[in-house]
Amino acid sequence: MQAQPPTELHWWQTRLFVALAALASTIPLWWPDIPPLVDLPGHMGRYRVQLAIGDHPHLATWYDFRWQVIGNLGVDLLIEPLGRLLGLEPAVKLIVLLIPALTVAGLLWIAREVHGRVPATALFALPLAYGYPFQFGFVNFALSMAVALNLFALWLRLARMGRLRLRAALFVPASCLLWLCHTFGWGVLGVLAFSAELIRQHDAAAGEHGLTRRWALPAVRAGLGCLPLALPMVLMVSWRSSDHVTGKTGDWFNWRGKFSYVAMILRDQWMAWDIASATILYFILFRGVRNQRIEYSRNLLLSALFLLLVFFLLPRVVFGSAYADMRLIPFAVAIALVALRPRRGVSVKGSATLAALGLAFFLARLGGTTWSYALYDRSYDRALAVLPRVPMGARLLTFVGRTCRDEWAYSRLEHIPAMALVRRLAYSNDQWSMPGGQLLTTRYYASGRYSHDPSQMVTYVQCRRELWRPIGRALAEFPREAFDYVWILQPPPYDPALLRGLTPIWRDGRNLLLRVDAKSGQGRAPPIPPSGTG
């Protein structure tokens, strides 16, 4: 049930504040030319193939790109017009900028619809626009969730206005478009809509028949009310029943992983800062149970609990997409925070103090993320300084070093090899090849086991339960006749003798670009040029 709105708006409840908060949420992305999200450069490589494969036939010898109806097309579809109009990199940056802005706007709109006015406590949820799934670069997922939040707010608004027929008419096509953006966004919208409809139907039954604890009939009515969201089930069945789909589902009830994800909701670069920030949010949620000055909305609390239940029930891998369960926990926390509101009788001064603290927390997280992204951008610029030395259309093999430990701060270089595909139309062995999971698969058979992700990842030793190769084995085994150049980024220690048959042409610290010699493997390893030379 919606709370009664106060008679006047405070500064955090105005439309101007919502607009400024949405705009402010984009600040960390202003400076970097490539948003430093772990998987994003890899996706940009796919977008380049999407836009250029018709004009550059050599790409078709390496990659197979086919349009098909799958639940993972959000940015891919937007890139088609925007990439051709603005250029690939500006289009990607514009789309990524919109994701946190839409997320912040959606959370505040939901709060407005449920509480009547934006409660001061809702401001603490805004930093979750930069939650760990976004940092990982799950851009189709993040875009679908941002859109889902706004669609949920519209769902609530139309129900509040009694426009149920209009809601049904609008959400049939909207749910299909959301599913095309990413399946998870559609699924989360269904969970949120059902929980809200369940509370609405229960309260309606209570109003008709007096106080009731019966939930069966309201649940049936809520399910019927959510039927306009069900059409994508047909698309889902068609997609997953196709013979070429290979993405698997597994790793159920990995409790150790799930509890670690709870601590990682704001994971970025500095563990102490990120965990302390998450602790503040969990403390606020706990105080919502114990504090006499704030309370939970039944509507959104049930939504948050449903999302939490889905988080615990989901496996780690769904349809080949890893970290499926991890992606939900920041949004469950965000909805729970938005569910909080000051109780009746709390002074304006008390609410203003909460709002000021929430705003300070939001700005502090934005400041940290802005500095973090500037540091990652510097790392990207240093790594990509090699690209002018890579000939257009080169067959490039890249090895990016990492450790077996899940270090809190990723280098975010894991998919930077794809920028050679973006900017030089060179082969990149970091592309995902999962038929039915996305539009691109690799077909460069001469590269053998070094054709796609995770062949670009190398370690010092063989890591347990990982497909990454030790760098010594990778340098010794890769098919040299299949590649023109080898790019080594931040490698672990290796024997320089393994570089026999490779001529270094550029170096910056530990980063190397080497040309594969025609008579590869003969003679001594050549000397490595000084840093920054070619």
Protein backbone atom coordinates (compact mmCIF):
# COMPACT_ATOMS: atom_id res chain seq x y z
CA MET A 1 0.00 0.00 0.00
CA GLN A 2 1.38 3.41 -0.92
CA ALA A 3 2.23 5.73 1.94
CA GLN A 4 0.49 9.10 2.14
CA PRO A 5 2.74 11.75 0.59
CA PRO A 6 3.80 14.75 2.64
CA THR A 7 2.37 18.12 1.78
CA GLU A 8 5.62 19.61 0.50
CA LEU A 9 8.60 18.30 -1.42
CA HIS A 10 12.06 18.33 0.10
CA TRP A 11 15.18 18.76 -2.01
CA TRP A 12 15.81 15.03 -2.45
CA GLN A 13 12.23 14.45 -3.63
CA THR A 14 12.17 16.89 -6.53
CA ARG A 15 12.42 16.01 -10.20
CA LEU A 16 15.46 18.28 -10.43
CA PHE A 17 17.27 16.15 -7.85
CA VAL A 18 16.39 12.94 -9.70
CA ALA A 19 17.74 14.42 -12.95
CA LEU A 20 20.92 15.64 -11.25
CA ALA A 21 21.46 12.30 -9.50
CA ALA A 22 21.07 10.43 -12.79
CA LEU A 23 23.50 12.83 -14.47
CA ALA A 24 25.99 12.61 -11.59
CA SER A 25 25.96 8.82 -11.81
CA THR A 26 27.63 9.08 -15.24
CA ILE A 27 30.63 11.13 -14.01
CA PRO A 28 33.04 8.17 -13.56
CA LEU A 29 32.60 7.35 -17.26
CA TRP A 30 33.28 10.83 -18.62
CA TRP A 31 37.09 10.62 -18.81
CA PRO A 32 37.91 7.07 -20.06
CA ASP A 33 37.60 6.71 -23.83
CA ILE A 34 36.91 3.00 -23.26
CA PRO A 35 34.71 2.34 -20.19
CA PRO A 36 37.04 0.14 -18.08
CA LEU A 37 34.65 -2.76 -17.51
CA VAL A 38 36.23 -6.21 -17.54
CA ASP A 39 34.35 -7.87 -20.42
CA LEU A 40 33.39 -4.75 -22.37
CA PRO A 41 36.38 -4.63 -24.78
CA GLY A 42 35.59 -8.23 -25.75
CA HIS A 43 32.02 -7.25 -26.57
CA MET A 44 33.35 -4.29 -28.57
CA GLY A 45 35.30 -6.75 -30.70
CA ARG A 46 32.05 -8.52 -31.53
CA TYR A 47 30.40 -5.21 -32.40
CA ARG A 48 33.26 -4.43 -34.78
CA VAL A 49 32.72 -7.72 -36.59
CA GLN A 50 28.98 -6.98 -36.67
CA LEU A 51 29.55 -3.62 -38.35
CA ALA A 52 32.51 -4.46 -40.58
CA ILE A 53 32.24 -8.07 -41.70
CA GLY A 54 30.46 -7.10 -44.92
CA ASP A 55 33.25 -4.71 -45.95
CA HIS A 56 36.25 -6.78 -44.81
CA PRO A 57 35.99 -10.36 -46.09
CA HIS A 58 38.98 -11.56 -44.07
CA LEU A 59 36.85 -11.24 -40.92
CA ALA A 60 34.52 -13.91 -42.32
CA THR A 61 37.44 -16.35 -42.50
CA TRP A 62 37.95 -15.94 -38.76
CA TYR A 63 34.48 -15.35 -37.36
CA ASP A 64 30.93 -16.42 -38.07
CA PHE A 65 28.37 -13.71 -37.29
CA ARG A 66 24.67 -14.53 -37.70
CA TRP A 67 21.67 -12.56 -36.54
CA GLN A 68 19.21 -14.69 -34.57
CA VAL A 69 16.53 -14.18 -31.94
CA ILE A 70 18.19 -14.75 -28.56
CA GLY A 71 17.70 -13.23 -25.14
CA ASN A 72 20.99 -11.36 -25.13
CA LEU A 73 20.89 -8.60 -27.76
CA GLY A 74 20.51 -5.29 -25.91
CA VAL A 75 23.66 -3.38 -26.85
CA ASP A 76 24.11 -5.40 -30.07
CA LEU A 77 20.83 -4.00 -31.41
CA LEU A 78 21.57 -0.43 -30.32
CA ILE A 79 25.03 -0.56 -31.89
CA GLU A 80 23.54 -1.28 -35.31
CA PRO A 81 22.22 2.29 -35.83
CA LEU A 82 24.37 4.18 -33.31
CA GLY A 83 27.65 2.56 -34.33
CA ARG A 84 27.10 3.46 -37.96
CA LEU A 85 26.01 6.99 -37.06
CA LEU A 86 28.55 7.90 -34.36
CA GLY A 87 31.32 5.35 -34.78
CA LEU A 88 31.74 2.23 -32.68
CA GLU A 89 33.66 3.57 -29.68
CA PRO A 90 31.55 6.75 -29.15
CA ALA A 91 28.37 4.68 -29.52
CA VAL A 92 29.53 2.15 -26.92
CA LYS A 93 30.46 4.91 -24.51
CA LEU A 94 27.09 6.62 -24.93
CA ILE A 95 25.19 3.39 -24.27
CA VAL A 96 27.29 2.53 -21.21
CA LEU A 97 26.81 6.08 -19.88
CA LEU A 98 23.06 5.55 -20.03
CA ILE A 99 23.10 2.39 -17.90
CA PRO A 100 23.90 3.94 -14.46
CA ALA A 101 21.71 6.95 -15.26
CA LEU A 102 18.72 4.71 -16.04
CA THR A 103 19.44 2.58 -12.98
CA VAL A 104 19.45 5.58 -10.64
CA ALA A 105 16.32 7.04 -12.25
CA GLY A 106 14.55 3.68 -12.01
CA LEU A 107 15.33 3.20 -8.33
CA LEU A 108 14.12 6.69 -7.42
CA TRP A 109 10.99 6.30 -9.55
CA ILE A 110 10.15 3.02 -7.81
CA ALA A 111 10.59 4.73 -4.46
CA ARG A 112 8.27 7.54 -5.56
CA GLU A 113 5.55 5.13 -6.69
CA VAL A 114 5.63 2.98 -3.56
CA HIS A 115 6.09 5.63 -0.88
CA GLY A 116 4.38 8.61 -2.48
CA ARG A 117 7.61 10.60 -2.22
CA VAL A 118 11.24 9.56 -2.43
CA PRO A 119 12.30 8.63 1.12
CA ALA A 120 15.66 9.88 2.35
CA THR A 121 16.91 6.32 2.82
CA ALA A 122 16.59 5.61 -0.93
CA LEU A 123 19.72 7.65 -1.62
CA PHE A 124 21.85 4.91 -0.07
CA ALA A 125 20.81 2.55 -2.89
CA LEU A 126 22.15 4.75 -5.69
CA PRO A 127 25.82 3.59 -5.59
CA LEU A 128 24.61 0.12 -6.54
CA ALA A 129 24.27 1.43 -10.09
CA TYR A 130 28.00 0.60 -10.13
CA GLY A 131 27.56 -2.81 -8.56
CA TYR A 132 29.89 -5.70 -9.29
CA PRO A 133 27.93 -7.03 -12.33
CA PHE A 134 28.33 -3.64 -14.02
CA GLN A 135 32.05 -3.54 -13.16
CA PHE A 136 32.40 -6.97 -14.75
CA GLY A 137 31.09 -5.59 -18.02
CA PHE A 138 27.87 -7.57 -18.32
CA VAL A 139 26.49 -4.73 -20.40
CA ASN A 140 23.46 -6.45 -21.95
CA PHE A 141 22.46 -7.66 -18.49
CA ALA A 142 23.09 -4.26 -16.87
CA LEU A 143 21.12 -2.46 -19.58
CA SER A 144 18.21 -4.88 -19.22
CA MET A 145 18.16 -4.42 -15.45
CA ALA A 146 18.19 -0.63 -15.77
CA VAL A 147 15.26 -0.83 -18.18
CA ALA A 148 13.49 -3.41 -15.97
CA LEU A 149 13.63 -1.06 -12.97
CA ASN A 150 11.95 1.70 -14.96
CA LEU A 151 9.36 -0.69 -16.38
CA PHE A 152 8.60 -1.90 -12.87
CA ALA A 153 8.05 1.70 -11.78
CA LEU A 154 5.66 2.15 -14.73
CA TRP A 155 3.90 -1.10 -13.74
CA LEU A 156 3.36 0.28 -10.24
CA ARG A 157 2.21 3.65 -11.54
CA LEU A 158 -0.38 2.22 -13.90
CA ALA A 159 -1.72 -0.04 -11.13
CA ARG A 160 -1.95 2.95 -8.78
CA MET A 161 -3.92 4.86 -11.42
CA GLY A 162 -6.20 1.88 -12.10
CA ARG A 163 -5.08 1.68 -15.75
CA LEU A 164 -4.82 -2.12 -15.80
CA ARG A 165 -5.95 -2.60 -19.40
CA LEU A 166 -3.45 -0.04 -20.61
CA ARG A 167 -0.79 -1.76 -18.51
CA ALA A 168 -1.58 -5.10 -20.11
CA ALA A 169 -1.45 -3.63 -23.62
CA LEU A 170 1.86 -1.87 -23.00
CA PHE A 171 3.69 -4.70 -21.27
CA VAL A 172 3.11 -7.38 -23.90
CA PRO A 173 5.52 -5.71 -26.37
CA ALA A 174 7.65 -4.17 -23.59
CA SER A 175 8.33 -7.58 -22.02
CA CYS A 176 9.37 -9.01 -25.41
CA LEU A 177 11.77 -6.14 -26.04
CA LEU A 178 13.19 -6.50 -22.53
CA TRP A 179 13.71 -10.24 -23.10
CA LEU A 180 15.60 -9.46 -26.31
CA CYS A 181 17.78 -7.06 -24.33
CA HIS A 182 18.65 -9.80 -21.83
CA THR A 183 16.70 -12.70 -20.38
CA PHE A 184 17.59 -11.79 -16.80
CA GLY A 185 16.01 -8.35 -17.01
CA TRP A 186 12.74 -9.89 -18.15
CA GLY A 187 12.91 -12.52 -15.39
CA VAL A 188 13.57 -9.92 -12.70
CA LEU A 189 10.73 -7.74 -13.97
CA GLY A 190 8.45 -10.77 -13.68
CA VAL A 191 9.54 -11.39 -10.07
CA LEU A 192 9.09 -7.72 -9.12
CA ALA A 193 5.74 -7.40 -10.88
CA PHE A 194 4.36 -10.60 -9.34
CA SER A 195 5.39 -9.63 -5.82
CA ALA A 196 3.85 -6.16 -6.18
CA GLU A 197 0.68 -7.58 -7.70
CA LEU A 198 0.47 -10.16 -4.90
CA ILE A 199 0.47 -7.42 -2.27
CA ARG A 200 -2.05 -5.38 -4.26
CA GLN A 201 -4.42 -8.31 -4.66
CA HIS A 202 -4.05 -9.29 -1.01
CA ASP A 203 -4.85 -5.76 0.14
CA ALA A 204 -7.81 -5.63 -2.25
CA ALA A 205 -9.13 -8.90 -0.82
CA ALA A 206 -8.65 -7.57 2.69
CA GLY A 207 -10.59 -4.44 1.76
CA GLU A 208 -13.45 -6.51 0.37
CA HIS A 209 -13.69 -9.16 3.08
CA GLY A 210 -11.98 -7.61 6.05
CA LEU A 211 -8.55 -8.53 7.40
CA THR A 212 -7.44 -11.77 5.77
CA ARG A 213 -4.37 -13.98 5.99
CA ARG A 214 -5.27 -15.99 2.94
CA TRP A 215 -2.76 -15.75 0.12
CA ALA A 216 -3.82 -18.51 -2.31
CA LEU A 217 -6.51 -16.55 -4.18
CA PRO A 218 -4.44 -13.32 -4.30
CA ALA A 219 -1.53 -15.37 -5.67
CA VAL A 220 -3.72 -16.78 -8.44
CA ARG A 221 -5.03 -13.31 -9.29
CA ALA A 222 -1.47 -11.92 -9.23
CA GLY A 223 -0.37 -14.64 -11.66
CA LEU A 224 -3.23 -13.79 -13.99
CA GLY A 225 -2.37 -10.11 -13.72
CA CYS A 226 1.19 -10.86 -14.83
CA LEU A 227 0.15 -12.78 -17.96
CA PRO A 228 1.05 -9.79 -20.20
CA LEU A 229 4.67 -10.51 -19.25
CA ALA A 230 4.50 -14.18 -20.30
CA LEU A 231 4.86 -14.01 -24.09
CA PRO A 232 8.70 -14.19 -23.98
CA MET A 233 8.29 -17.74 -22.64
CA VAL A 234 7.51 -18.72 -26.25
CA LEU A 235 10.69 -17.00 -27.42
CA MET A 236 12.63 -18.69 -24.64
CA VAL A 237 11.42 -22.18 -25.57
CA SER A 238 12.17 -21.57 -29.25
CA TRP A 239 15.65 -20.26 -28.43
CA ARG A 240 16.69 -22.98 -26.02
CA SER A 241 15.26 -25.86 -28.08
CA SER A 242 17.38 -24.97 -31.12
CA ASP A 243 19.92 -27.65 -32.08
CA HIS A 244 22.85 -25.22 -32.30
CA VAL A 245 22.52 -23.87 -28.75
CA THR A 246 25.40 -25.14 -26.58
CA GLY A 247 25.28 -23.03 -23.40
CA LYS A 248 24.89 -25.25 -20.34
CA THR A 249 23.47 -24.67 -16.86
CA GLY A 250 25.28 -25.89 -13.75
CA ASP A 251 27.20 -25.31 -10.49
CA TRP A 252 24.15 -25.31 -8.25
CA PHE A 253 24.12 -24.21 -4.61
CA ASN A 254 27.71 -23.04 -4.47
CA TRP A 255 27.23 -21.56 -1.01
CA ARG A 256 30.80 -20.41 -0.59
CA GLY A 257 30.54 -18.43 -3.80
CA LYS A 258 27.13 -17.02 -2.95
CA PHE A 259 28.21 -15.70 0.44
CA SER A 260 31.31 -14.14 -1.10
CA TYR A 261 29.11 -12.36 -3.65
CA VAL A 262 27.17 -10.80 -0.79
CA ALA A 263 30.38 -9.02 0.25
CA MET A 264 31.22 -8.09 -3.35
CA ILE A 265 28.17 -6.02 -4.24
CA LEU A 266 30.32 -2.88 -4.63
CA ARG A 267 33.55 -4.60 -5.67
CA ASP A 268 35.80 -2.34 -7.73
CA GLN A 269 39.47 -1.72 -6.92
CA TRP A 270 40.07 -1.23 -3.18
CA MET A 271 38.86 -4.09 -1.00
CA ALA A 272 38.76 -2.20 2.30
CA TRP A 273 36.76 0.68 0.81
CA ASP A 274 34.38 -1.57 -1.09
CA ILE A 275 33.66 -3.91 1.82
CA ALA A 276 33.27 -0.99 4.23
CA SER A 277 30.75 0.57 1.85
CA ALA A 278 28.82 -2.70 1.57
CA THR A 279 28.85 -3.02 5.36
CA ILE A 280 27.21 0.41 5.65
CA LEU A 281 24.38 -0.74 3.39
CA TYR A 282 23.83 -3.96 5.32
CA PHE A 283 23.89 -2.03 8.59
CA ILE A 284 21.15 0.27 7.25
CA LEU A 285 19.06 -2.74 6.24
CA PHE A 286 19.51 -4.22 9.71
CA ARG A 287 18.54 -0.93 11.34
CA GLY A 288 15.37 -0.99 9.27
CA VAL A 289 14.29 -3.98 11.36
CA ARG A 290 15.39 -2.62 14.73
CA ASN A 291 15.05 1.16 14.47
CA GLN A 292 11.81 2.81 15.54
CA ARG A 293 12.29 5.71 13.13
CA ILE A 294 12.33 3.77 9.84
CA GLU A 295 10.27 0.90 8.44
CA TYR A 296 9.98 -1.31 5.38
CA SER A 297 7.31 -1.12 2.72
CA ARG A 298 5.57 -4.50 2.53
CA ASN A 299 5.45 -4.22 -1.24
CA LEU A 300 9.17 -3.75 -1.88
CA LEU A 301 10.29 -5.88 1.04
CA LEU A 302 8.49 -8.83 -0.52
CA SER A 303 10.10 -7.98 -3.88
CA ALA A 304 13.55 -7.94 -2.28
CA LEU A 305 12.90 -11.25 -0.52
CA PHE A 306 11.75 -12.85 -3.77
CA LEU A 307 14.94 -11.66 -5.51
CA LEU A 308 17.01 -12.98 -2.62
CA LEU A 309 15.29 -16.36 -2.92
CA VAL A 310 16.02 -16.46 -6.66
CA PHE A 311 19.65 -15.58 -5.89
CA PHE A 312 19.98 -18.58 -3.58
CA LEU A 313 18.20 -20.94 -6.00
CA LEU A 314 20.05 -19.91 -9.17
CA PRO A 315 23.16 -21.85 -10.23
CA ARG A 316 26.39 -20.04 -10.98
CA VAL A 317 26.14 -20.82 -14.72
CA VAL A 318 22.87 -20.37 -16.66
CA PHE A 319 22.77 -21.09 -20.43
CA GLY A 320 26.55 -20.82 -20.51
CA SER A 321 26.63 -17.40 -18.81
CA ALA A 322 28.82 -17.44 -15.71
CA TYR A 323 28.09 -15.61 -12.45
CA ALA A 324 24.35 -15.75 -13.06
CA ASP A 325 23.50 -15.75 -9.36
CA MET A 326 26.03 -13.05 -8.51
CA ARG A 327 24.32 -10.62 -10.87
CA LEU A 328 21.13 -10.49 -8.79
CA ILE A 329 22.38 -9.75 -5.27
CA PRO A 330 23.17 -6.00 -5.79
CA PHE A 331 19.65 -5.46 -7.11
CA ALA A 332 18.06 -7.38 -4.24
CA VAL A 333 19.96 -5.10 -1.85
CA ALA A 334 18.99 -1.99 -3.85
CA ILE A 335 15.29 -2.88 -3.77
CA ALA A 336 15.52 -3.59 -0.04
CA LEU A 337 17.10 -0.17 0.54
CA VAL A 338 14.44 1.54 -1.56
CA ALA A 339 11.83 -0.31 0.55
CA LEU A 340 12.90 1.66 3.63
CA ARG A 341 11.16 4.88 4.65
CA PRO A 342 10.97 7.09 7.75
CA ARG A 343 8.04 6.27 10.00
CA ARG A 344 5.23 8.72 10.57
CA GLY A 345 6.20 11.37 13.06
CA VAL A 346 9.87 11.54 12.14
CA SER A 347 10.87 15.20 12.00
CA VAL A 348 11.82 16.96 8.81
CA LYS A 349 15.23 17.57 10.35
CA GLY A 350 15.70 13.83 10.91
CA SER A 351 14.73 13.01 7.33
CA ALA A 352 16.99 15.76 5.99
CA THR A 353 19.89 14.37 8.01
CA LEU A 354 19.30 10.90 6.54
CA ALA A 355 19.12 12.38 3.05
CA ALA A 356 22.36 14.32 3.57
CA LEU A 357 24.11 11.17 4.77
CA GLY A 358 22.75 9.21 1.80
CA LEU A 359 23.89 11.89 -0.63
CA ALA A 360 27.34 12.00 0.99
CA PHE A 361 27.62 8.23 0.65
CA PHE A 362 26.56 8.39 -3.01
CA LEU A 363 29.06 11.16 -3.81
CA ALA A 364 31.87 9.41 -1.93
CA ARG A 365 31.31 6.22 -3.92
CA LEU A 366 31.15 8.24 -7.16
CA GLY A 367 34.44 9.94 -6.28
CA GLY A 368 36.14 6.61 -5.60
CA THR A 369 34.81 5.09 -8.81
CA THR A 370 35.89 8.13 -10.83
CA TRP A 371 39.45 7.84 -9.52
CA SER A 372 39.43 4.07 -10.03
CA TYR A 373 38.32 4.44 -13.65
CA ALA A 374 40.98 7.08 -14.29
CA LEU A 375 43.63 4.63 -13.10
CA TYR A 376 42.23 1.85 -15.27
CA ASP A 377 42.09 4.23 -18.22
CA ARG A 378 45.81 4.97 -17.75
CA SER A 379 46.48 1.22 -17.77
CA TYR A 380 44.43 0.82 -20.96
CA ASP A 381 46.28 3.67 -22.69
CA ARG A 382 49.63 2.13 -21.83
CA ALA A 383 48.61 -1.31 -23.08
CA LEU A 384 47.05 -0.01 -26.29
CA ALA A 385 50.09 2.06 -27.24
CA VAL A 386 51.23 -1.04 -29.14
CA LEU A 387 48.35 -1.02 -31.63
CA PRO A 388 49.92 1.35 -34.21
CA ARG A 389 52.63 -1.31 -34.61
CA VAL A 390 50.06 -4.00 -35.44
CA PRO A 391 49.37 -4.12 -39.21
CA MET A 392 45.77 -3.92 -40.34
CA GLY A 393 44.24 -7.37 -40.62
CA ALA A 394 47.09 -9.11 -38.78
CA ARG A 395 46.61 -12.56 -37.31
CA LEU A 396 47.34 -11.61 -33.71
CA LEU A 397 47.63 -13.98 -30.77
CA THR A 398 47.52 -12.37 -27.33
CA PHE A 399 48.53 -13.71 -23.93
CA VAL A 400 47.38 -11.76 -20.86
CA GLY A 401 48.88 -12.71 -17.52
CA ARG A 402 46.90 -13.30 -14.37
CA THR A 403 47.19 -15.20 -11.10
CA CYS A 404 45.25 -18.21 -9.91
CA ARG A 405 43.87 -16.16 -7.01
CA ASP A 406 40.67 -14.19 -7.40
CA GLU A 407 42.32 -10.88 -6.59
CA TRP A 408 39.89 -8.13 -5.62
CA ALA A 409 41.13 -5.67 -8.23
CA TYR A 410 41.21 -7.20 -11.69
CA SER A 411 43.76 -5.79 -14.10
CA ARG A 412 40.77 -5.35 -16.49
CA LEU A 413 43.13 -6.29 -19.31
CA GLU A 414 41.49 -9.71 -19.71
CA HIS A 415 39.69 -8.68 -22.90
CA ILE A 416 41.77 -5.72 -24.00
CA PRO A 417 43.12 -7.86 -26.90
CA ALA A 418 39.77 -7.26 -28.63
CA MET A 419 40.76 -3.62 -29.14
CA ALA A 420 43.15 -4.87 -31.83
CA LEU A 421 40.06 -6.21 -33.58
CA VAL A 422 38.20 -2.94 -32.96
CA ARG A 423 40.94 -0.60 -34.16
CA ARG A 424 43.11 -2.71 -36.49
CA LEU A 425 40.65 -5.37 -37.71
CA ALA A 426 43.20 -7.91 -36.45
CA TYR A 427 42.40 -11.38 -35.19
CA SER A 428 41.65 -11.51 -31.48
CA ASN A 429 41.69 -14.83 -29.61
CA ASP A 430 39.70 -13.43 -26.67
CA GLN A 431 36.26 -13.69 -28.31
CA TRP A 432 33.64 -15.93 -26.75
CA SER A 433 32.51 -18.81 -28.95
CA MET A 434 29.29 -20.21 -27.54
CA PRO A 435 26.77 -21.04 -30.27
CA GLY A 436 23.31 -19.80 -29.34
CA GLY A 437 24.63 -17.66 -26.50
CA GLN A 438 25.57 -14.70 -28.69
CA LEU A 439 25.78 -13.81 -32.35
CA LEU A 440 29.48 -14.44 -32.97
CA THR A 441 31.40 -17.71 -33.01
CA THR A 442 35.00 -18.34 -34.08
CA ARG A 443 35.82 -20.34 -37.19
CA TYR A 444 39.60 -19.88 -37.51
CA TYR A 445 40.37 -23.58 -37.34
CA ALA A 446 44.11 -23.19 -38.00
CA SER A 447 44.47 -21.61 -34.55
CA GLY A 448 43.41 -24.85 -32.90
CA ARG A 449 42.87 -24.46 -29.18
CA TYR A 450 43.98 -20.82 -29.34
CA SER A 451 40.98 -19.52 -31.23
CA HIS A 452 38.75 -18.07 -28.50
CA ASP A 453 38.31 -17.17 -24.83
CA PRO A 454 39.94 -18.12 -22.46
CA SER A 455 43.00 -18.94 -24.61
CA GLN A 456 44.23 -15.38 -24.05
CA MET A 457 44.60 -15.98 -20.31
CA VAL A 458 47.97 -17.33 -19.09
CA THR A 459 49.27 -18.07 -15.61
CA TYR A 460 52.52 -19.17 -14.00
CA VAL A 461 51.23 -22.64 -13.09
CA GLN A 462 48.14 -24.64 -13.98
CA CYS A 463 45.28 -23.25 -11.88
CA ARG A 464 42.89 -25.67 -10.27
CA ARG A 465 39.51 -25.97 -12.06
CA GLU A 466 40.49 -23.35 -14.65
CA LEU A 467 41.10 -23.61 -18.40
CA TRP A 468 43.87 -21.01 -18.39
CA ARG A 469 47.22 -22.35 -19.60
CA PRO A 470 50.60 -21.80 -17.97
CA ILE A 471 52.52 -19.32 -20.09
CA GLY A 472 55.35 -21.76 -20.69
CA ARG A 473 52.99 -24.26 -22.28
CA ALA A 474 51.17 -21.59 -24.27
CA LEU A 475 54.38 -20.17 -25.78
CA ALA A 476 55.65 -23.63 -26.60
CA GLU A 477 52.46 -25.09 -28.05
CA PHE A 478 50.61 -22.39 -29.97
CA PRO A 479 50.50 -23.04 -33.75
CA ARG A 480 53.01 -20.53 -35.08
CA GLU A 481 52.00 -20.97 -38.69
CA ALA A 482 48.51 -19.66 -37.80
CA PHE A 483 49.63 -16.27 -36.47
CA ASP A 484 51.68 -13.28 -37.62
CA TYR A 485 52.20 -11.59 -34.26
CA VAL A 486 52.17 -12.40 -30.56
CA TRP A 487 51.18 -9.74 -28.01
CA ILE A 488 52.16 -10.46 -24.39
CA LEU A 489 50.57 -8.33 -21.66
CA GLN A 490 51.62 -8.31 -18.02
CA PRO A 491 52.87 -11.92 -18.19
CA PRO A 492 53.97 -14.10 -15.28
CA PRO A 493 57.65 -15.17 -15.32
CA TYR A 494 58.66 -17.37 -18.26
CA ASP A 495 61.81 -18.76 -19.88
CA PRO A 496 63.07 -16.30 -22.56
CA ALA A 497 64.19 -19.30 -24.60
CA LEU A 498 60.52 -19.87 -25.41
CA LEU A 499 60.67 -16.77 -27.62
CA ARG A 500 62.84 -18.50 -30.22
CA GLY A 501 61.40 -17.82 -33.65
CA LEU A 502 59.70 -14.64 -32.42
CA THR A 503 61.22 -11.25 -33.20
CA PRO A 504 60.45 -8.53 -30.63
CA ILE A 505 59.42 -5.29 -32.34
CA TRP A 506 57.99 -3.33 -29.40
CA ARG A 507 58.33 -3.35 -25.64
CA ASP A 508 56.95 -1.39 -22.71
CA GLY A 509 57.99 -2.87 -19.39
CA ARG A 510 56.81 -6.47 -19.44
CA ASN A 511 54.49 -5.89 -22.39
CA LEU A 512 55.81 -7.22 -25.70
CA LEU A 513 54.80 -7.38 -29.34
CA LEU A 514 56.65 -10.06 -31.30
CA ARG A 515 56.57 -11.01 -34.95
CA VAL A 516 56.38 -14.70 -35.78
CA ASP A 517 59.32 -15.53 -38.07
CA ALA A 518 58.82 -17.49 -41.27
CA LYS A 519 61.20 -20.18 -39.99
CA SER A 520 59.74 -20.17 -36.54
CA GLY A 521 61.44 -22.09 -33.78
CA GLN A 522 65.00 -22.04 -35.17
CA GLY A 523 68.00 -20.40 -33.59
CA ARG A 524 68.33 -18.41 -30.42
CA ALA A 525 65.76 -16.06 -28.99
CA PRO A 526 66.58 -12.56 -30.31
CA PRO A 527 67.33 -9.71 -27.93
CA ILE A 528 64.35 -7.73 -26.65
CA PRO A 529 64.35 -4.04 -27.62
CA PRO A 530 64.43 -1.35 -24.93
CA SER A 531 61.18 -0.21 -23.40
CA GLY A 532 58.93 1.81 -25.72
CA THR A 533 60.91 1.11 -28.89
CA GLY A 534 60.17 -0.79 -32.06
